[in-house]
Amino acid sequence: LVGLGGSGRQSMTRLAASIAGYKCYEIELTRGYDYDSFQGDIRQMMRIASVDDNPVVFLFTENQILQEKFLEDVNNILNSGEVPNLW
């Protein structure tokens, strides 16, 4: 979703996911969070969606973009459904 800060994008995304019965998956930034941690979170989300066969919404905000590689991986998921060198 695109919009001004404070316009309720996250709240509406969580509400829509809940109504549709989807699990809302959001990364949790911690001290020392790096690209390997991000890829681990992506792997976990993909396992939930594929192995557990649960529909998932990946909630990713601009505050969580610590490295440009994060955006490249999200772009790959949106374009092809895969992330190179993830597994």
N, C-alpha and C. Protein backbone atom coordinates (compact mmCIF):
# COMPACT_ATOMS: atom_id res chain seq x y z
N LEU A 1 0.84 -1.18 0.00
CA LEU A 1 0.00 0.00 0.00
C LEU A 1 0.88 1.24 0.00
N VAL A 2 0.41 2.26 -0.64
CA VAL A 2 1.13 3.52 -0.70
C VAL A 2 0.25 4.59 -0.08
N GLY A 3 0.85 5.46 0.73
CA GLY A 3 0.11 6.54 1.34
C GLY A 3 0.96 7.30 2.31
N LEU A 4 0.42 8.36 2.81
CA LEU A 4 1.15 9.18 3.77
C LEU A 4 1.27 8.46 5.10
N GLY A 5 2.35 8.78 5.83
CA GLY A 5 2.53 8.21 7.15
C GLY A 5 1.38 8.58 8.06
N GLY A 6 0.95 7.63 8.86
CA GLY A 6 -0.16 7.89 9.78
C GLY A 6 -1.53 7.74 9.17
N SER A 7 -1.59 7.21 7.94
CA SER A 7 -2.89 7.09 7.28
C SER A 7 -3.56 5.75 7.54
N GLY A 8 -2.93 4.87 8.33
CA GLY A 8 -3.56 3.60 8.70
C GLY A 8 -3.26 2.44 7.78
N ARG A 9 -2.18 2.51 7.02
CA ARG A 9 -1.86 1.42 6.09
C ARG A 9 -1.64 0.10 6.82
N GLN A 10 -0.85 0.13 7.89
CA GLN A 10 -0.58 -1.11 8.63
C GLN A 10 -1.85 -1.66 9.28
N SER A 11 -2.62 -0.78 9.86
CA SER A 11 -3.87 -1.22 10.51
C SER A 11 -4.82 -1.84 9.50
N MET A 12 -4.96 -1.21 8.35
CA MET A 12 -5.86 -1.74 7.33
C MET A 12 -5.34 -3.06 6.77
N THR A 13 -4.02 -3.19 6.64
CA THR A 13 -3.45 -4.44 6.16
C THR A 13 -3.71 -5.56 7.15
N ARG A 14 -3.51 -5.28 8.43
CA ARG A 14 -3.78 -6.29 9.46
C ARG A 14 -5.26 -6.67 9.50
N LEU A 15 -6.13 -5.68 9.37
CA LEU A 15 -7.57 -5.93 9.37
C LEU A 15 -7.97 -6.79 8.17
N ALA A 16 -7.48 -6.42 6.98
CA ALA A 16 -7.81 -7.18 5.78
C ALA A 16 -7.29 -8.61 5.87
N ALA A 17 -6.08 -8.78 6.40
CA ALA A 17 -5.52 -10.13 6.56
C ALA A 17 -6.37 -10.95 7.52
N SER A 18 -6.79 -10.33 8.59
CA SER A 18 -7.61 -11.03 9.58
C SER A 18 -8.96 -11.43 8.99
N ILE A 19 -9.58 -10.52 8.27
CA ILE A 19 -10.89 -10.81 7.66
C ILE A 19 -10.77 -11.95 6.66
N ALA A 20 -9.68 -11.96 5.89
CA ALA A 20 -9.48 -12.99 4.87
C ALA A 20 -8.97 -14.30 5.47
N GLY A 21 -8.60 -14.30 6.74
CA GLY A 21 -8.10 -15.52 7.37
C GLY A 21 -6.63 -15.76 7.11
N TYR A 22 -5.89 -14.72 6.77
CA TYR A 22 -4.46 -14.84 6.50
C TYR A 22 -3.66 -14.54 7.76
N LYS A 23 -2.50 -15.17 7.85
CA LYS A 23 -1.57 -14.86 8.94
C LYS A 23 -0.75 -13.65 8.53
N CYS A 24 -0.63 -12.68 9.40
CA CYS A 24 0.14 -11.48 9.13
C CYS A 24 1.56 -11.70 9.66
N TYR A 25 2.53 -11.76 8.76
CA TYR A 25 3.92 -12.03 9.14
C TYR A 25 4.72 -10.73 8.99
N GLU A 26 5.35 -10.33 10.07
CA GLU A 26 6.14 -9.10 10.07
C GLU A 26 7.48 -9.39 10.74
N ILE A 27 8.55 -8.89 10.15
CA ILE A 27 9.86 -9.11 10.75
C ILE A 27 10.00 -8.25 11.99
N GLU A 28 10.78 -8.75 12.93
CA GLU A 28 11.01 -8.02 14.17
C GLU A 28 12.48 -7.60 14.20
N LEU A 29 12.71 -6.31 14.10
CA LEU A 29 14.08 -5.81 14.11
C LEU A 29 14.65 -5.86 15.52
N THR A 30 15.85 -6.40 15.62
CA THR A 30 16.56 -6.46 16.89
C THR A 30 17.96 -5.90 16.67
N ARG A 31 18.66 -5.70 17.75
CA ARG A 31 20.05 -5.25 17.63
C ARG A 31 20.83 -6.34 16.91
N GLY A 32 21.62 -5.94 15.92
CA GLY A 32 22.41 -6.90 15.16
C GLY A 32 21.63 -7.55 14.03
N TYR A 33 20.42 -7.07 13.75
CA TYR A 33 19.63 -7.63 12.64
C TYR A 33 20.35 -7.31 11.34
N ASP A 34 20.61 -8.33 10.55
CA ASP A 34 21.36 -8.14 9.31
C ASP A 34 20.70 -8.90 8.17
N TYR A 35 21.40 -8.99 7.05
CA TYR A 35 20.84 -9.64 5.87
C TYR A 35 20.58 -11.12 6.11
N ASP A 36 21.46 -11.79 6.85
CA ASP A 36 21.24 -13.21 7.14
C ASP A 36 19.97 -13.40 7.99
N SER A 37 19.74 -12.51 8.93
CA SER A 37 18.53 -12.57 9.74
C SER A 37 17.30 -12.35 8.87
N PHE A 38 17.39 -11.40 7.94
CA PHE A 38 16.28 -11.12 7.03
C PHE A 38 15.97 -12.35 6.18
N GLN A 39 17.01 -12.98 5.64
CA GLN A 39 16.78 -14.17 4.83
C GLN A 39 16.17 -15.29 5.66
N GLY A 40 16.59 -15.41 6.92
CA GLY A 40 15.98 -16.40 7.81
C GLY A 40 14.50 -16.14 8.01
N ASP A 41 14.13 -14.86 8.15
CA ASP A 41 12.70 -14.51 8.28
C ASP A 41 11.94 -14.82 7.00
N ILE A 42 12.56 -14.57 5.85
CA ILE A 42 11.91 -14.88 4.57
C ILE A 42 11.71 -16.39 4.45
N ARG A 43 12.74 -17.16 4.82
CA ARG A 43 12.61 -18.62 4.78
C ARG A 43 11.45 -19.09 5.68
N GLN A 44 11.37 -18.52 6.87
CA GLN A 44 10.30 -18.90 7.81
C GLN A 44 8.93 -18.57 7.22
N MET A 45 8.80 -17.39 6.62
CA MET A 45 7.53 -17.00 6.01
C MET A 45 7.18 -17.94 4.85
N MET A 46 8.16 -18.29 4.05
CA MET A 46 7.90 -19.19 2.91
C MET A 46 7.51 -20.59 3.40
N ARG A 47 8.09 -21.04 4.51
CA ARG A 47 7.70 -22.34 5.07
C ARG A 47 6.25 -22.32 5.53
N ILE A 48 5.87 -21.23 6.18
CA ILE A 48 4.48 -21.11 6.64
C ILE A 48 3.53 -21.17 5.45
N ALA A 49 3.90 -20.48 4.37
CA ALA A 49 3.03 -20.41 3.20
C ALA A 49 3.01 -21.72 2.40
N SER A 50 4.15 -22.42 2.35
CA SER A 50 4.21 -23.60 1.48
C SER A 50 4.05 -24.90 2.26
N VAL A 51 4.91 -25.17 3.19
CA VAL A 51 4.88 -26.45 3.91
C VAL A 51 3.63 -26.54 4.79
N ASP A 52 3.37 -25.50 5.56
CA ASP A 52 2.19 -25.50 6.44
C ASP A 52 0.91 -25.20 5.69
N ASP A 53 1.04 -24.73 4.45
CA ASP A 53 -0.09 -24.41 3.57
C ASP A 53 -1.05 -23.41 4.21
N ASN A 54 -0.48 -22.38 4.83
CA ASN A 54 -1.27 -21.30 5.42
C ASN A 54 -1.09 -20.03 4.59
N PRO A 55 -2.16 -19.34 4.26
CA PRO A 55 -2.01 -18.08 3.53
C PRO A 55 -1.35 -17.03 4.42
N VAL A 56 -0.44 -16.24 3.84
CA VAL A 56 0.36 -15.30 4.61
C VAL A 56 0.37 -13.94 3.93
N VAL A 57 0.30 -12.89 4.74
CA VAL A 57 0.54 -11.52 4.29
C VAL A 57 1.87 -11.09 4.88
N PHE A 58 2.80 -10.66 4.04
CA PHE A 58 4.10 -10.20 4.50
C PHE A 58 4.02 -8.68 4.66
N LEU A 59 4.04 -8.23 5.91
CA LEU A 59 3.95 -6.80 6.22
C LEU A 59 5.36 -6.26 6.41
N PHE A 60 5.78 -5.39 5.50
CA PHE A 60 7.15 -4.88 5.48
C PHE A 60 7.07 -3.37 5.32
N THR A 61 7.57 -2.63 6.32
CA THR A 61 7.47 -1.17 6.30
C THR A 61 8.80 -0.54 5.92
N GLU A 62 8.74 0.73 5.59
CA GLU A 62 9.96 1.44 5.19
C GLU A 62 10.97 1.54 6.32
N ASN A 63 10.50 1.47 7.55
CA ASN A 63 11.42 1.51 8.69
C ASN A 63 12.23 0.23 8.83
N GLN A 64 11.79 -0.84 8.19
CA GLN A 64 12.47 -2.12 8.29
C GLN A 64 13.49 -2.33 7.18
N ILE A 65 13.63 -1.37 6.29
CA ILE A 65 14.60 -1.47 5.21
C ILE A 65 15.95 -1.00 5.73
N LEU A 66 16.76 -1.95 6.17
CA LEU A 66 18.07 -1.61 6.70
C LEU A 66 19.15 -1.66 5.63
N GLN A 67 18.94 -2.50 4.63
CA GLN A 67 19.89 -2.63 3.53
C GLN A 67 19.10 -2.70 2.23
N GLU A 68 19.72 -2.25 1.15
CA GLU A 68 19.06 -2.28 -0.15
C GLU A 68 18.76 -3.71 -0.59
N LYS A 69 19.55 -4.66 -0.11
CA LYS A 69 19.33 -6.07 -0.46
C LYS A 69 17.96 -6.55 -0.01
N PHE A 70 17.43 -5.97 1.07
CA PHE A 70 16.10 -6.34 1.54
C PHE A 70 15.07 -6.07 0.44
N LEU A 71 15.16 -4.90 -0.17
CA LEU A 71 14.22 -4.54 -1.23
C LEU A 71 14.40 -5.42 -2.46
N GLU A 72 15.63 -5.78 -2.76
CA GLU A 72 15.87 -6.66 -3.92
C GLU A 72 15.19 -8.01 -3.71
N ASP A 73 15.27 -8.54 -2.49
CA ASP A 73 14.62 -9.82 -2.22
C ASP A 73 13.10 -9.71 -2.28
N VAL A 74 12.54 -8.65 -1.75
CA VAL A 74 11.09 -8.44 -1.82
C VAL A 74 10.66 -8.31 -3.28
N ASN A 75 11.44 -7.59 -4.06
CA ASN A 75 11.16 -7.44 -5.49
C ASN A 75 11.18 -8.80 -6.19
N ASN A 76 12.14 -9.64 -5.86
CA ASN A 76 12.20 -10.99 -6.46
C ASN A 76 10.99 -11.82 -6.07
N ILE A 77 10.54 -11.70 -4.84
CA ILE A 77 9.34 -12.44 -4.42
C ILE A 77 8.13 -11.97 -5.22
N LEU A 78 8.00 -10.67 -5.39
CA LEU A 78 6.86 -10.14 -6.13
C LEU A 78 6.90 -10.51 -7.61
N ASN A 79 8.10 -10.55 -8.20
CA ASN A 79 8.23 -10.83 -9.63
C ASN A 79 8.18 -12.31 -9.96
N SER A 80 8.86 -13.13 -9.17
CA SER A 80 8.98 -14.55 -9.54
C SER A 80 8.53 -15.52 -8.45
N GLY A 81 8.32 -15.02 -7.24
CA GLY A 81 7.94 -15.90 -6.15
C GLY A 81 9.12 -16.61 -5.52
N GLU A 82 10.33 -16.25 -5.93
CA GLU A 82 11.53 -16.90 -5.42
C GLU A 82 12.57 -15.85 -5.04
N VAL A 83 13.49 -16.25 -4.16
CA VAL A 83 14.63 -15.41 -3.81
C VAL A 83 15.89 -16.20 -4.15
N PRO A 84 16.75 -15.69 -5.02
CA PRO A 84 17.96 -16.41 -5.37
C PRO A 84 18.83 -16.65 -4.12
N ASN A 85 19.41 -17.84 -4.06
CA ASN A 85 20.34 -18.24 -3.00
C ASN A 85 19.71 -18.17 -1.60
N LEU A 86 18.41 -18.40 -1.51
CA LEU A 86 17.75 -18.37 -0.21
C LEU A 86 17.95 -19.68 0.55
N TRP A 87 17.91 -20.79 -0.17
CA TRP A 87 18.03 -22.09 0.47
C TRP A 87 19.42 -22.57 0.29
